[in-house]
Protein backbone atom coordinates (compact mmCIF):
# COMPACT_ATOMS: atom_id res chain seq x y z
CA MET A 1 111.18 105.35 137.00
CA GLY A 2 114.88 104.96 136.27
CA PRO A 3 116.67 105.76 133.00
CA CYS A 4 115.01 104.15 129.98
CA ALA A 5 114.38 104.35 126.26
CA VAL A 6 110.88 105.61 125.49
CA ALA A 7 108.38 105.60 122.66
CA VAL A 8 105.32 107.81 123.13
CA GLY A 9 102.02 107.28 121.34
CA ASN A 10 98.43 106.12 121.54
CA PHE A 11 99.48 102.75 120.05
CA ASP A 12 95.81 102.03 119.41
CA GLY A 13 95.48 98.59 117.86
CA VAL A 14 99.26 98.00 118.03
CA HIS A 15 99.76 97.67 114.28
CA VAL A 16 102.82 96.90 112.16
CA GLY A 17 103.80 100.57 112.08
CA HIS A 18 103.93 100.52 115.87
CA ALA A 19 105.94 97.30 115.68
CA ALA A 20 108.55 99.07 113.54
CA ILE A 21 108.87 101.78 116.20
CA VAL A 22 109.12 99.16 118.95
CA GLY A 23 111.83 97.35 117.01
CA ARG A 24 113.99 100.46 116.98
CA LEU A 25 113.09 101.18 120.62
CA LEU A 26 114.39 97.75 121.65
CA ALA A 27 117.60 98.24 119.68
CA ASN A 28 118.26 101.56 121.41
CA ALA A 29 117.40 100.14 124.82
CA VAL A 30 119.82 97.23 124.39
CA ARG A 31 122.58 99.53 123.17
CA LEU A 32 122.16 101.81 126.20
CA GLY A 33 121.54 98.99 128.67
CA VAL A 34 118.19 100.41 129.83
CA PRO A 35 114.57 99.17 129.77
CA ALA A 36 112.35 99.78 126.75
CA VAL A 37 109.23 101.68 127.79
CA ALA A 38 106.08 102.59 125.86
CA LEU A 39 104.13 105.61 127.10
CA THR A 40 100.47 105.56 126.09
CA PHE A 41 97.36 107.48 127.11
CA ASP A 42 93.95 106.70 128.58
CA PRO A 43 91.61 107.96 127.40
CA HIS A 44 92.69 109.04 123.91
CA PRO A 45 93.50 112.80 124.11
CA ALA A 46 90.80 113.47 121.50
CA ARG A 47 88.19 112.43 124.07
CA ILE A 48 89.24 115.44 126.14
CA LEU A 49 89.76 117.89 123.29
CA ARG A 50 87.01 116.84 120.83
CA PRO A 51 84.75 114.33 122.56
CA ASP A 52 82.17 114.37 119.75
CA GLN A 53 84.86 113.57 117.16
CA ALA A 54 87.01 111.14 119.15
CA PRO A 55 87.76 107.88 117.33
CA ALA A 56 86.37 104.62 118.63
CA ALA A 57 89.03 102.64 120.47
CA LEU A 58 90.60 99.57 118.88
CA THR A 59 92.21 98.46 122.14
CA LEU A 60 91.85 99.20 125.83
CA PRO A 61 95.02 99.86 127.87
CA GLN A 62 95.37 96.32 129.22
CA ARG A 63 95.17 94.76 125.76
CA ARG A 64 97.53 97.41 124.38
CA ALA A 65 100.06 96.56 127.10
CA GLU A 66 99.72 92.82 126.33
CA LEU A 67 100.40 93.38 122.64
CA LEU A 68 103.34 95.70 123.31
CA ALA A 69 104.80 93.20 125.76
CA GLY A 70 104.47 90.58 123.05
CA LEU A 71 106.68 92.76 120.85
CA GLY A 72 109.32 92.88 123.58
CA VAL A 73 108.58 96.14 125.44
CA ASP A 74 109.69 95.90 129.08
CA ALA A 75 106.95 98.14 130.46
CA THR A 76 103.94 100.11 129.27
CA VAL A 77 103.15 103.25 131.23
CA VAL A 78 99.53 104.38 130.90
CA GLN A 79 99.34 108.14 131.36
CA PRO A 80 95.89 109.30 132.57
CA THR A 81 94.63 111.95 130.16
CA ASP A 82 92.88 115.00 131.53
CA ALA A 83 92.51 118.70 130.74
CA ARG A 84 95.72 119.53 132.61
CA LEU A 85 97.78 117.07 130.59
CA VAL A 86 96.50 118.15 127.17
CA ALA A 87 97.17 121.80 128.11
CA LEU A 88 100.88 121.19 128.72
CA GLU A 89 103.08 123.01 126.26
CA PRO A 90 105.44 120.68 124.37
CA GLU A 91 108.48 121.95 126.24
CA VAL A 92 106.77 121.27 129.58
CA PHE A 93 105.63 117.81 128.46
CA PHE A 94 109.21 117.01 127.50
CA SER A 95 110.72 118.28 130.75
CA GLN A 96 108.08 117.04 133.19
CA ILE A 97 106.87 113.79 131.68
CA LEU A 98 109.66 112.46 129.48
CA ARG A 99 112.67 113.69 131.43
CA GLY A 100 111.37 114.33 134.94
CA GLY A 101 108.98 111.39 135.20
CA LEU A 102 110.45 108.71 132.94
CA GLN A 103 114.08 109.87 132.86
CA ALA A 104 114.22 109.12 129.15
CA GLN A 105 117.73 108.71 127.77
CA ALA A 106 116.55 107.89 124.25
CA LEU A 107 113.33 108.55 122.36
CA VAL A 108 111.96 106.70 119.34
CA GLU A 109 108.99 108.19 117.47
CA GLY A 110 107.19 107.99 114.17
CA SER A 111 107.69 110.80 111.68
CA ASP A 112 104.12 112.07 112.24
CA PHE A 113 104.46 112.27 116.03
CA ARG A 114 102.76 115.28 117.64
CA PHE A 115 102.70 116.26 121.30
CA GLY A 116 101.79 119.05 123.68
CA ALA A 117 99.05 121.68 123.68
CA ARG A 118 97.39 122.30 120.31
CA ARG A 119 99.57 119.47 118.94
CA ARG A 120 102.25 122.13 118.50
CA GLY A 121 105.12 119.75 119.13
CA ASP A 122 106.47 117.72 116.22
CA VAL A 123 109.64 115.70 115.64
CA THR A 124 111.57 118.84 114.66
CA LEU A 125 110.78 120.53 117.95
CA LEU A 126 111.39 117.27 119.81
CA ALA A 127 114.79 116.92 118.16
CA GLY A 128 115.81 120.37 119.39
CA LEU A 129 114.63 119.68 122.94
CA ALA A 130 116.35 116.28 122.99
CA GLN A 131 119.64 117.60 121.65
CA ALA A 132 119.71 120.43 124.17
CA ASP A 133 119.17 117.97 127.02
CA GLY A 134 121.51 115.22 125.81
CA VAL A 135 118.73 112.80 124.87
CA GLU A 136 119.00 110.64 121.76
CA LEU A 137 116.14 110.69 119.25
CA GLU A 138 115.44 108.29 116.40
CA VAL A 139 112.61 109.02 113.96
CA VAL A 140 111.09 105.98 112.25
CA PRO A 141 109.44 106.33 108.82
CA PRO A 142 105.90 105.02 108.33
CA VAL A 143 105.31 101.44 107.20
CA VAL A 144 103.62 101.48 103.81
CA ILE A 145 101.41 98.57 102.67
CA ASP A 146 99.55 98.60 99.35
CA GLY A 147 100.70 102.15 98.72
CA GLU A 148 99.28 103.61 101.96
CA PRO A 149 100.85 104.23 105.37
CA VAL A 150 99.59 101.90 108.06
CA SER A 151 97.64 103.84 110.70
CA SER A 152 95.02 103.26 113.37
CA SER A 153 92.59 105.38 111.33
CA ARG A 154 93.02 103.14 108.29
CA ILE A 155 92.41 100.06 110.44
CA ARG A 156 89.27 101.58 111.98
CA THR A 157 87.88 102.16 108.50
CA LEU A 158 88.50 98.54 107.54
CA ILE A 159 86.96 97.12 110.70
CA ALA A 160 83.92 99.39 110.49
CA ALA A 161 83.39 98.00 106.97
CA GLY A 162 83.73 94.40 108.18
CA SER A 163 87.07 93.87 106.42
CA VAL A 164 88.66 92.15 109.41
CA ALA A 165 90.94 89.95 107.28
CA ALA A 166 92.39 93.03 105.56
CA ALA A 167 92.78 94.74 108.94
CA ARG A 168 94.62 91.67 110.23
CA GLN A 169 97.32 92.26 107.61
CA LEU A 170 98.03 95.63 109.22
CA LEU A 171 97.81 94.52 112.85
CA THR A 172 100.25 92.52 114.96
CA ALA A 173 97.39 90.25 116.15
CA PRO A 174 93.81 89.57 115.03
CA TYR A 175 91.30 92.26 115.94
CA ARG A 176 89.76 91.45 119.33
CA LEU A 177 86.51 92.23 121.12
CA GLN A 178 86.25 91.54 124.82
CA GLY A 179 83.30 91.66 127.21
CA LEU A 180 81.20 89.77 129.72
CA VAL A 181 78.73 87.07 128.73
CA VAL A 182 75.23 88.36 129.52
CA THR A 183 71.80 86.77 129.36
CA GLY A 184 70.22 86.95 125.92
CA ARG A 185 66.96 85.68 124.48
CA GLN A 186 68.38 82.13 124.33
CA ARG A 187 66.91 81.51 120.89
CA GLY A 188 70.12 79.93 119.64
CA GLN A 189 69.91 77.16 122.20
CA THR A 190 66.39 76.23 121.12
CA ILE A 191 67.50 75.71 117.50
CA GLY A 192 70.71 73.86 118.26
CA PHE A 193 73.21 76.74 118.04
CA PRO A 194 73.72 78.13 121.56
CA THR A 195 75.44 81.50 121.65
CA ALA A 196 77.16 83.64 124.26
CA ASN A 197 75.90 87.22 124.17
CA LEU A 198 78.79 89.60 124.65
CA GLY A 199 78.03 92.70 126.73
CA GLY A 200 80.09 95.66 127.86
CA VAL A 201 82.17 95.85 124.68
CA ALA A 202 84.10 99.15 124.78
CA THR A 203 85.93 98.95 121.45
CA LEU A 204 84.88 99.38 117.83
CA LEU A 205 82.37 96.82 116.57
CA PRO A 206 82.94 95.36 113.12
CA ALA A 207 80.17 95.89 110.58
CA GLU A 208 77.02 93.80 110.90
CA GLY A 209 77.49 90.29 109.60
CA VAL A 210 78.68 86.78 110.40
CA TYR A 211 82.37 86.18 111.09
CA ALA A 212 84.79 83.32 111.57
CA ALA A 213 86.74 83.85 114.77
CA ARG A 214 88.58 82.33 117.70
CA ALA A 215 87.10 82.79 121.17
CA GLY A 216 88.63 82.36 124.59
CA VAL A 217 87.21 82.28 128.11
CA ALA A 218 89.04 83.93 131.00
CA GLY A 219 90.93 81.27 132.93
CA ALA A 220 90.80 78.65 130.18
CA ASP A 221 94.01 77.31 128.69
CA ARG A 222 92.73 77.16 125.10
CA ASP A 223 90.62 78.97 122.52
CA TRP A 224 87.77 77.60 120.41
CA PRO A 225 86.81 78.24 116.80
CA ALA A 226 83.71 80.42 116.77
CA ALA A 227 80.99 81.76 114.51
CA VAL A 228 80.06 85.30 115.49
CA HIS A 229 76.94 87.23 114.53
CA ILE A 230 76.94 91.02 114.90
CA GLY A 231 73.71 92.92 114.36
CA PRO A 232 69.98 92.51 115.05
CA ASN A 233 68.25 89.16 114.71
CA VAL A 234 66.12 90.33 111.81
CA SER A 235 64.58 86.87 111.29
CA PHE A 236 62.87 87.34 114.65
CA GLY A 237 61.90 90.97 114.05
CA GLU A 238 64.53 92.46 116.35
CA THR A 239 66.15 95.85 115.75
CA SER A 240 68.77 96.08 118.52
CA ALA A 241 72.27 94.93 117.56
CA THR A 242 73.92 92.19 119.60
CA VAL A 243 77.22 90.30 119.52
CA GLU A 244 76.47 86.58 119.65
CA VAL A 245 79.30 84.05 119.79
CA HIS A 246 78.86 80.34 119.09
CA LEU A 247 81.92 78.50 120.43
CA ILE A 248 82.35 75.39 118.30
CA GLY A 249 83.00 72.32 120.42
CA PHE A 250 82.50 74.10 123.76
CA SER A 251 80.10 72.97 126.45
CA GLY A 252 79.56 74.68 129.78
CA ASP A 253 78.14 77.74 131.49
CA LEU A 254 79.59 81.07 130.34
CA TYR A 255 77.26 83.55 132.03
CA GLY A 256 79.15 86.30 133.83
CA LYS A 257 82.52 85.20 132.46
CA SER A 258 84.93 87.34 130.46
CA LEU A 259 85.14 86.30 126.83
CA HIS A 260 87.48 87.51 124.10
CA VAL A 261 86.83 87.09 120.39
CA ASP A 262 89.59 87.33 117.76
CA PHE A 263 88.16 88.02 114.28
CA LEU A 264 89.59 86.13 111.30
CA ARG A 265 87.29 86.87 108.35
CA ARG A 266 83.77 87.92 107.41
CA VAL A 267 81.62 85.01 106.24
CA ARG A 268 78.48 86.83 105.07
CA GLU A 269 76.15 89.74 105.65
CA THR A 270 73.24 89.70 108.09
CA ARG A 271 69.96 88.80 106.40
CA ARG A 272 66.40 87.71 107.15
CA PHE A 273 65.30 84.09 106.75
CA ASP A 274 61.70 83.15 106.06
CA SER A 275 61.70 80.05 108.23
CA VAL A 276 63.49 78.58 111.21
CA GLU A 277 64.57 75.65 109.06
CA ALA A 278 66.19 77.96 106.51
CA LEU A 279 67.96 79.80 109.35
CA LYS A 280 69.20 76.52 110.85
CA ALA A 281 70.58 75.40 107.49
CA GLN A 282 72.44 78.66 107.06
CA LEU A 283 73.80 78.54 110.61
CA ALA A 284 75.12 75.03 109.97
CA ALA A 285 76.92 76.32 106.89
CA ASP A 286 78.28 79.31 108.86
CA VAL A 287 79.60 77.04 111.61
CA ALA A 288 81.27 74.75 109.08
CA LEU A 289 83.03 77.71 107.48
CA ALA A 290 84.05 79.12 110.87
CA ALA A 291 85.36 75.72 111.99
CA SER A 292 87.64 75.62 108.95
CA GLY A 293 89.34 78.85 110.12
C-alpha cells in the first residue's frame, strides 16, 4: 500500500467515539493528500490471548468496513490476528505493519490506544516512535455522553440488557444482526404472523424480548418494518432461543436468503400466553407498535 493516513483499532460497532477518530483521520489525509485507511483486526486479539474472556462481537469485518466507508474512510484493511501478530513487540508492530506494510505518514488514535505484545504500547510510546521516524500523530480524546466515555464495552452491556435504543445513541447506525433464513417450526404462519428464523448469527444477541426493527433481504432495494422476537417460544413449551423476524408488508420466500435486522427499540419482554388467541392479540399489538417505528 502507498503512503496513507492510518487509524488502528478494533472499531467494533463503529460508534461515535470511532467517528471522532475518523473525522480527524480524514482531515489529516486531506491535508497530506493521501488516502484515509482504517486498520482493524479479525478476530479480536482477545480471542487469541484470552479466548474464554473475549467479548462478543458487535460487528463482523464486512459490516465494520461498510460503516467506516460510510464515515468517509477510503479503505479498511483487515489484519488477520494470530499468535505471531499478538506476540509482536510494539516497536516491531510499528516498523513492520504501520510503516513497512501501510507506509503510514500520519497516525490518528484514541487516547486509550494500546498495541503490541502484552499491550505494552500506548500513545506515549507511539508518539516517540512516530517522531523518530517522521510520522505525524494526533491523539483524539474520548467522546463522553451522559458522563461516561463511549466504548464498545459500554455498548455491549446495553445491548445484552436489551437497551437497543440507548445503544443507538452511541452508535453511528442501528445495531444490526445478520444471518441466513433457516427452516423453523412454522408456527407463526399458522396463526397469521409468519416469521423468518435467523440462523448463523455471529454477533451479540440482544436480551430476550420483542423488538421494533427494520429488516432487509440481500438483493432487495428496500427494507421493511419488522417485529422481532428473541428467546424461546415459552407459550409452546420450548426452551431453545431463536431469532424470529416478522417483516411487515412483505410476501415471498426467504428460505436460504441473507437477512439483516436493524434494532430500533425494545417493545416488551418475552412471556407465556395461556391461549393461542391471547398470543395472537399480543402479536397484533406488537406488529402495530413495530410498524410505527
